[in-house]
C-alpha atoms as a PDB file:
ATOM      1  CA  MET A   1      70.842 -46.765 -29.180  1.00  0.00           C
ATOM      2  CA  ILE A   2      71.733 -44.300 -26.423  1.00  0.00           C
ATOM      3  CA  ALA A   3      75.256 -45.761 -26.204  1.00  0.00           C
ATOM      4  CA  GLY A   4      75.650 -45.400 -29.967  1.00  0.00           C
ATOM      5  CA  LEU A   5      74.467 -41.782 -29.816  1.00  0.00           C
ATOM      6  CA  LEU A   6      76.936 -40.990 -27.017  1.00  0.00           C
ATOM      7  CA  GLN A   7      79.772 -42.543 -29.008  1.00  0.00           C
ATOM      8  CA  TYR A   8      78.784 -40.480 -32.041  1.00  0.00           C
ATOM      9  CA  LEU A   9      78.723 -37.269 -29.985  1.00  0.00           C
ATOM     10  CA  LEU A  10      82.141 -38.048 -28.524  1.00  0.00           C
ATOM     11  CA  LEU A  11      83.556 -38.639 -31.992  1.00  0.00           C
ATOM     12  CA  ALA A  12      82.042 -35.397 -33.290  1.00  0.00           C
ATOM     13  CA  HIS A  13      83.358 -33.418 -30.319  1.00  0.00           C
ATOM     14  CA  ALA A  14      86.817 -34.954 -30.615  1.00  0.00           C
ATOM     15  CA  MET A  15      87.046 -34.013 -34.302  1.00  0.00           C
ATOM     16  CA  VAL A  16      86.557 -30.388 -33.277  1.00  0.00           C
ATOM     17  CA  VAL A  17      88.842 -30.415 -30.234  1.00  0.00           C
ATOM     18  CA  GLY A  18      91.678 -32.547 -31.656  1.00  0.00           C
ATOM     19  CA  SER A  19      93.702 -32.665 -28.439  1.00  0.00           C
ATOM     20  CA  VAL A  20      95.680 -35.896 -28.862  1.00  0.00           C
ATOM     21  CA  GLN A  21      99.350 -35.217 -28.107  1.00  0.00           C
ATOM     22  CA  LEU A  22     101.697 -35.777 -31.032  1.00  0.00           C
ATOM     23  CA  LEU A  23     104.805 -37.474 -29.643  1.00  0.00           C
ATOM     24  CA  THR A  24     108.139 -36.962 -31.384  1.00  0.00           C
ATOM     25  CA  ARG A  25     111.795 -37.581 -30.618  1.00  0.00           C
ATOM     26  CA  ASP A  26     112.053 -33.969 -29.459  1.00  0.00           C
ATOM     27  CA  ASN A  27     109.269 -34.108 -26.867  1.00  0.00           C
ATOM     28  CA  TRP A  28     109.183 -37.819 -25.965  1.00  0.00           C
ATOM     29  CA  HIS A  29     111.047 -37.597 -22.663  1.00  0.00           C
ATOM     30  CA  GLU A  30     109.194 -34.422 -21.784  1.00  0.00           C
ATOM     31  CA  HIS A  31     105.901 -36.345 -21.759  1.00  0.00           C
ATOM     32  CA  ILE A  32     106.864 -39.973 -21.043  1.00  0.00           C
ATOM     33  CA  THR A  33     108.119 -39.316 -17.522  1.00  0.00           C
ATOM     34  CA  GLY A  34     106.635 -42.230 -15.550  1.00  0.00           C
ATOM     35  CA  ARG A  35     104.064 -40.037 -13.806  1.00  0.00           C
ATOM     36  CA  HIS A  36     101.133 -41.084 -16.017  1.00  0.00           C
ATOM     37  CA  ASP A  37      99.938 -43.974 -18.144  1.00  0.00           C
ATOM     38  CA  TRP A  38     100.073 -43.218 -21.870  1.00  0.00           C
ATOM     39  CA  PHE A  39      97.911 -44.855 -24.539  1.00  0.00           C
ATOM     40  CA  ILE A  40      99.705 -44.328 -27.859  1.00  0.00           C
ATOM     41  CA  MET A  41      98.698 -44.985 -31.453  1.00  0.00           C
ATOM     42  CA  PHE A  42     101.535 -45.637 -33.902  1.00  0.00           C
ATOM     43  CA  SER A  43     100.285 -44.555 -37.314  1.00  0.00           C
ATOM     44  CA  GLN A  44     101.774 -44.176 -40.774  1.00  0.00           C
ATOM     45  CA  GLN A  45     100.950 -41.741 -43.553  1.00  0.00           C
ATOM     46  CA  GLY A  46      98.897 -43.348 -46.285  1.00  0.00           C
ATOM     47  CA  CYS A  47      97.586 -46.115 -43.992  1.00  0.00           C
ATOM     48  CA  PRO A  48      93.779 -46.349 -44.494  1.00  0.00           C
ATOM     49  CA  HIS A  49      93.269 -48.246 -41.218  1.00  0.00           C
ATOM     50  CA  CYS A  50      95.095 -45.472 -39.325  1.00  0.00           C
ATOM     51  CA  LYS A  51      92.959 -42.838 -41.033  1.00  0.00           C
ATOM     52  CA  ARG A  52      89.744 -44.594 -40.008  1.00  0.00           C
ATOM     53  CA  LEU A  53      90.915 -44.865 -36.395  1.00  0.00           C
ATOM     54  CA  GLU A  54      91.899 -41.189 -35.985  1.00  0.00           C
ATOM     55  CA  PRO A  55      88.420 -39.825 -35.032  1.00  0.00           C
ATOM     56  CA  MET A  56      87.981 -42.586 -32.455  1.00  0.00           C
ATOM     57  CA  TRP A  57      91.451 -41.882 -31.073  1.00  0.00           C
ATOM     58  CA  GLU A  58      90.541 -38.225 -30.597  1.00  0.00           C
ATOM     59  CA  ALA A  59      87.363 -39.365 -28.860  1.00  0.00           C
ATOM     60  CA  MET A  60      89.458 -41.563 -26.573  1.00  0.00           C
ATOM     61  CA  GLU A  61      91.314 -38.503 -25.292  1.00  0.00           C
ATOM     62  CA  THR A  62      88.025 -36.682 -24.715  1.00  0.00           C
ATOM     63  CA  ARG A  63      86.433 -39.622 -22.942  1.00  0.00           C
ATOM     64  CA  LEU A  64      89.381 -40.411 -20.655  1.00  0.00           C
ATOM     65  CA  GLY A  65      89.975 -36.756 -19.882  1.00  0.00           C
ATOM     66  CA  ALA A  66      86.337 -36.154 -18.993  1.00  0.00           C
ATOM     67  CA  ALA A  67      86.320 -39.217 -16.732  1.00  0.00           C
ATOM     68  CA  GLY A  68      89.409 -37.996 -14.899  1.00  0.00           C
ATOM     69  CA  GLU A  69      91.176 -41.337 -15.377  1.00  0.00           C
ATOM     70  CA  GLY A  70      94.651 -39.796 -15.542  1.00  0.00           C
ATOM     71  CA  VAL A  71      95.522 -41.639 -18.763  1.00  0.00           C
ATOM     72  CA  ARG A  72      97.191 -39.521 -21.437  1.00  0.00           C
ATOM     73  CA  VAL A  73      96.461 -40.233 -25.109  1.00  0.00           C
ATOM     74  CA  GLY A  74      99.174 -39.756 -27.712  1.00  0.00           C
ATOM     75  CA  ARG A  75     100.084 -40.479 -31.300  1.00  0.00           C
ATOM     76  CA  VAL A  76     103.365 -41.215 -33.091  1.00  0.00           C
ATOM     77  CA  ASN A  77     103.701 -40.469 -36.803  1.00  0.00           C
ATOM     78  CA  VAL A  78     106.047 -43.273 -37.859  1.00  0.00           C
ATOM     79  CA  SER A  79     106.601 -41.680 -41.270  1.00  0.00           C
ATOM     80  CA  THR A  80     108.589 -38.880 -39.598  1.00  0.00           C
ATOM     81  CA  ASP A  81     109.710 -40.588 -36.350  1.00  0.00           C
ATOM     82  CA  ASN A  82     110.417 -44.212 -37.271  1.00  0.00           C
ATOM     83  CA  GLY A  83     113.066 -44.453 -34.543  1.00  0.00           C
ATOM     84  CA  ILE A  84     110.320 -44.569 -31.900  1.00  0.00           C
ATOM     85  CA  ALA A  85     108.612 -47.415 -33.761  1.00  0.00           C
ATOM     86  CA  LEU A  86     111.917 -49.270 -34.063  1.00  0.00           C
ATOM     87  CA  THR A  87     112.476 -48.845 -30.319  1.00  0.00           C
ATOM     88  CA  PHE A  88     109.237 -50.706 -29.610  1.00  0.00           C
ATOM     89  CA  ASP A  89     109.539 -53.151 -32.568  1.00  0.00           C
ATOM     90  CA  VAL A  90     106.354 -51.765 -34.112  1.00  0.00           C
ATOM     91  CA  GLU A  91     105.875 -53.132 -37.634  1.00  0.00           C
ATOM     92  CA  ARG A  92     102.077 -53.112 -38.118  1.00  0.00           C
ATOM     93  CA  PHE A  93      99.901 -50.035 -38.367  1.00  0.00           C
ATOM     94  CA  PRO A  94      98.039 -48.886 -36.497  1.00  0.00           C
ATOM     95  CA  THR A  95      99.607 -50.361 -33.361  1.00  0.00           C
ATOM     96  CA  LEU A  96      98.189 -49.323 -29.990  1.00  0.00           C
ATOM     97  CA  LEU A  97     100.513 -49.431 -26.986  1.00  0.00           C
ATOM     98  CA  LEU A  98      99.740 -48.660 -23.350  1.00  0.00           C
ATOM     99  CA  LEU A  99     102.846 -47.409 -21.547  1.00  0.00           C
ATOM    100  CA  SER A 100     102.158 -47.736 -17.831  1.00  0.00           C
ATOM    101  CA  ALA A 101     103.569 -45.379 -15.234  1.00  0.00           C
ATOM    102  CA  ASP A 102     105.572 -48.284 -13.774  1.00  0.00           C
ATOM    103  CA  GLY A 103     107.545 -48.687 -17.007  1.00  0.00           C
ATOM    104  CA  ARG A 104     105.814 -51.536 -18.857  1.00  0.00           C
ATOM    105  CA  ALA A 105     104.415 -51.574 -22.416  1.00  0.00           C
ATOM    106  CA  TYR A 106     101.202 -53.463 -23.262  1.00  0.00           C
ATOM    107  CA  GLU A 107      99.781 -53.875 -26.768  1.00  0.00           C
ATOM    108  CA  PHE A 108      96.042 -53.729 -27.451  1.00  0.00           C
ATOM    109  CA  GLN A 109      95.575 -56.925 -29.459  1.00  0.00           C
ATOM    110  CA  GLU A 110      91.818 -57.120 -30.025  1.00  0.00           C
ATOM    111  CA  ARG A 111      90.910 -57.118 -33.712  1.00  0.00           C
ATOM    112  CA  ARG A 112      87.703 -55.210 -32.935  1.00  0.00           C
ATOM    113  CA  ARG A 113      88.222 -51.611 -31.818  1.00  0.00           C
ATOM    114  CA  SER A 114      85.543 -49.517 -30.128  1.00  0.00           C
ATOM    115  CA  LEU A 115      85.509 -46.742 -27.551  1.00  0.00           C
ATOM    116  CA  PRO A 116      84.265 -49.007 -24.721  1.00  0.00           C
ATOM    117  CA  LEU A 117      86.884 -51.682 -25.463  1.00  0.00           C
ATOM    118  CA  LEU A 118      89.733 -49.193 -25.813  1.00  0.00           C
ATOM    119  CA  SER A 119      88.684 -47.310 -22.677  1.00  0.00           C
ATOM    120  CA  ALA A 120      88.412 -50.510 -20.634  1.00  0.00           C
ATOM    121  CA  PHE A 121      91.889 -51.534 -21.760  1.00  0.00           C
ATOM    122  CA  ALA A 122      93.422 -48.123 -21.002  1.00  0.00           C
ATOM    123  CA  THR A 123      91.854 -47.842 -17.545  1.00  0.00           C
ATOM    124  CA  GLY A 124      93.153 -51.123 -16.176  1.00  0.00           C
ATOM    125  CA  GLY A 125      92.256 -53.894 -18.605  1.00  0.00           C
ATOM    126  CA  TYR A 126      95.842 -54.008 -19.827  1.00  0.00           C
ATOM    127  CA  ARG A 127      96.837 -55.546 -16.473  1.00  0.00           C
ATOM    128  CA  ASN A 128      95.057 -58.759 -17.515  1.00  0.00           C
ATOM    129  CA  GLN A 129      97.586 -59.342 -20.297  1.00  0.00           C
ATOM    130  CA  LEU A 130     100.209 -61.957 -19.571  1.00  0.00           C
ATOM    131  CA  SER A 131     102.870 -60.394 -21.797  1.00  0.00           C
ATOM    132  CA  SER A 132     104.450 -56.976 -21.543  1.00  0.00           C
ATOM    133  CA  LEU A 133     107.779 -55.335 -22.312  1.00  0.00           C
ATOM    134  CA  ALA A 134     109.923 -52.935 -20.357  1.00  0.00           C
ATOM    135  CA  VAL A 135     109.687 -49.402 -21.727  1.00  0.00           C
ATOM    136  CA  PRO A 136     113.146 -48.489 -23.137  1.00  0.00           C
ATOM    137  CA  THR A 137     114.789 -45.465 -21.573  1.00  0.00           C
ATOM    138  CA  THR A 138     116.472 -44.389 -24.824  1.00  0.00           C
ATOM    139  CA  LEU A 139     115.068 -44.101 -28.335  1.00  0.00           C
ATOM    140  CA  ARG A 140     116.666 -45.570 -31.414  1.00  0.00           C
ATOM    141  CA  PRO A 141     117.686 -43.067 -34.118  1.00  0.00           C
ATOM    142  CA  ASN A 142     115.554 -42.582 -37.207  1.00  0.00           C
ATOM    143  CA  GLU A 143     116.554 -44.746 -40.159  1.00  0.00           C
ATOM    144  CA  PRO A 144     116.371 -43.825 -43.880  1.00  0.00           C
ATOM    145  CA  GLN A 145     113.346 -45.146 -45.744  1.00  0.00           C
ATOM    146  CA  TRP A 146     115.427 -47.351 -48.074  1.00  0.00           C
ATOM    147  CA  TRP A 147     116.886 -49.160 -45.048  1.00  0.00           C
ATOM    148  CA  LEU A 148     113.424 -49.756 -43.593  1.00  0.00           C
ATOM    149  CA  LEU A 149     112.310 -51.172 -46.948  1.00  0.00           C
ATOM    150  CA  LEU A 150     115.266 -53.589 -47.031  1.00  0.00           C
ATOM    151  CA  ARG A 151     114.582 -54.526 -43.414  1.00  0.00           C
ATOM    152  CA  SER A 152     110.941 -55.298 -44.160  1.00  0.00           C
ATOM    153  CA  LEU A 153     111.917 -57.432 -47.199  1.00  0.00           C
ATOM    154  CA  TRP A 154     114.680 -59.324 -45.379  1.00  0.00           C
ATOM    155  CA  LYS A 155     112.413 -61.068 -42.858  1.00  0.00           C
ATOM    156  CA  PRO A 156     110.216 -62.939 -45.376  1.00  0.00           C
ATOM    157  CA  LEU A 157     113.284 -63.584 -47.577  1.00  0.00           C
ATOM    158  CA  LYS A 158     115.181 -65.034 -44.623  1.00  0.00           C
ATOM    159  CA  GLN A 159     112.233 -67.286 -43.747  1.00  0.00           C
ATOM    160  CA  THR A 160     112.010 -68.471 -47.365  1.00  0.00           C
ATOM    161  CA  VAL A 161     115.723 -69.322 -47.482  1.00  0.00           C
ATOM    162  CA  VAL A 162     115.521 -71.228 -44.184  1.00  0.00           C
ATOM    163  CA  VAL A 163     112.487 -73.198 -45.372  1.00  0.00           C
ATOM    164  CA  ALA A 164     114.168 -73.971 -48.725  1.00  0.00           C
ATOM    165  CA  PHE A 165     117.326 -75.275 -47.002  1.00  0.00           C
ATOM    166  CA  SER A 166     115.221 -77.355 -44.598  1.00  0.00           C
ATOM    167  CA  ILE A 167     113.288 -78.922 -47.465  1.00  0.00           C
ATOM    168  CA  ALA A 168     116.509 -79.607 -49.387  1.00  0.00           C
ATOM    169  CA  ALA A 169     118.093 -81.246 -46.322  1.00  0.00           C
ATOM    170  CA  CYS A 170     115.007 -83.409 -45.761  1.00  0.00           C
ATOM    171  CA  LEU A 171     114.957 -84.480 -49.419  1.00  0.00           C
ATOM    172  CA  ALA A 172     118.665 -85.336 -49.388  1.00  0.00           C
ATOM    173  CA  GLY A 173     118.250 -87.340 -46.199  1.00  0.00           C
ATOM    174  CA  GLY A 174     115.197 -89.116 -47.597  1.00  0.00           C
ATOM    175  CA  ILE A 175     117.002 -90.066 -50.808  1.00  0.00           C
ATOM    176  CA  LYS A 176     119.979 -91.448 -48.874  1.00  0.00           C
ATOM    177  CA  LEU A 177     117.668 -93.449 -46.635  1.00  0.00           C
ATOM    178  CA  LEU A 178     115.821 -94.823 -49.666  1.00  0.00           C
ATOM    179  CA  ILE A 179     119.089 -95.810 -51.354  1.00  0.00           C
ATOM    180  CA  TYR A 180     120.287 -97.526 -48.175  1.00  0.00           C
ATOM    181  CA  ALA A 181     116.971 -99.337 -47.707  1.00  0.00           C
ATOM    182  CA  CYS A 182     116.918-100.594 -51.294  1.00  0.00           C
ATOM    183  CA  GLY A 183     120.568-101.669 -51.248  1.00  0.00           C
ATOM    184  CA  ILE A 184     121.381 -99.512 -54.251  1.00  0.00           C
ATOM    185  CA  ARG A 185     125.045 -98.662 -54.638  1.00  0.00           C
ATOM    186  CA  VAL A 186     126.017 -95.228 -55.766  1.00  0.00           C
ATOM    187  CA  PRO A 187     128.793 -95.102 -58.471  1.00  0.00           C
ATOM    188  CA  GLU A 188     131.555 -94.304 -55.962  1.00  0.00           C
ATOM    189  CA  GLU A 189     130.590 -97.207 -53.724  1.00  0.00           C
ATOM    190  CA  ALA A 190     130.324 -99.527 -56.732  1.00  0.00           C
ATOM    191  CA  ALA A 191     133.817 -98.538 -57.922  1.00  0.00           C
ATOM    192  CA  GLU A 192     135.248 -99.146 -54.454  1.00  0.00           C
ATOM    193  CA  GLY A 193     133.571-102.555 -54.373  1.00  0.00           C
ATOM    194  CA  GLU A 194     135.044-103.555 -57.724  1.00  0.00           C
ATOM    195  CA  ALA A 195     138.524-102.488 -56.633  1.00  0.00           C
ATOM    196  CA  THR A 196     138.196-104.566 -53.464  1.00  0.00           C
ATOM    197  CA  ASN A 197     137.094-107.602 -55.473  1.00  0.00           C
ATOM    198  CA  LYS A 198     140.059-107.244 -57.849  1.00  0.00           C
ATOM    199  CA  LYS A 199     142.474-107.115 -54.926  1.00  0.00           C
ATOM    200  CA  LYS A 200     140.945-110.257 -53.479  1.00  0.00           C
ATOM    201  CA  ALA A 201     141.148-112.000 -56.864  1.00  0.00           C
ATOM    202  CA  GLY A 202     144.789-110.944 -57.295  1.00  0.00           C
END
């Protein structure tokens, strides 16, 4: 009960303070300098899951700052700075990335999000992850929304086409195998056989 009350107070205080750093293309390299770890939420306008996480994200900044952990908390609005999301291959929202001071990126992958879990991850828990990516030194340019829409549609379409071709190839191979096993001659083979027989008879 006490832990729940503390979490509530942190959330309430964070909603008033609102000190999470908004990261953009213009100030990215000013803040991401390799001197501090950064815990960053990639959010998108109109995303209900992002909206629900915002108060907790503000509380994260308050909690880590009060504890003197040296971890900075930031946010990227992908609706206006999609180039940053493209740089890190972010496609789901919200996505939470820890950029360590030594130049590695770690994604928070737990389905359940709470202040204790997020804080534990940001203050060293990320080191237990087996996978990480090198933090790019340059950002990709922003892309127009219509291009992002085509890009998002192409992946499932490409997978569907590949699966369809695979099924068609398997069916064709299965039919040929069945014909061979049953000794059935296709019309071309039958015509060739008749021609051979006529030559022998002649």
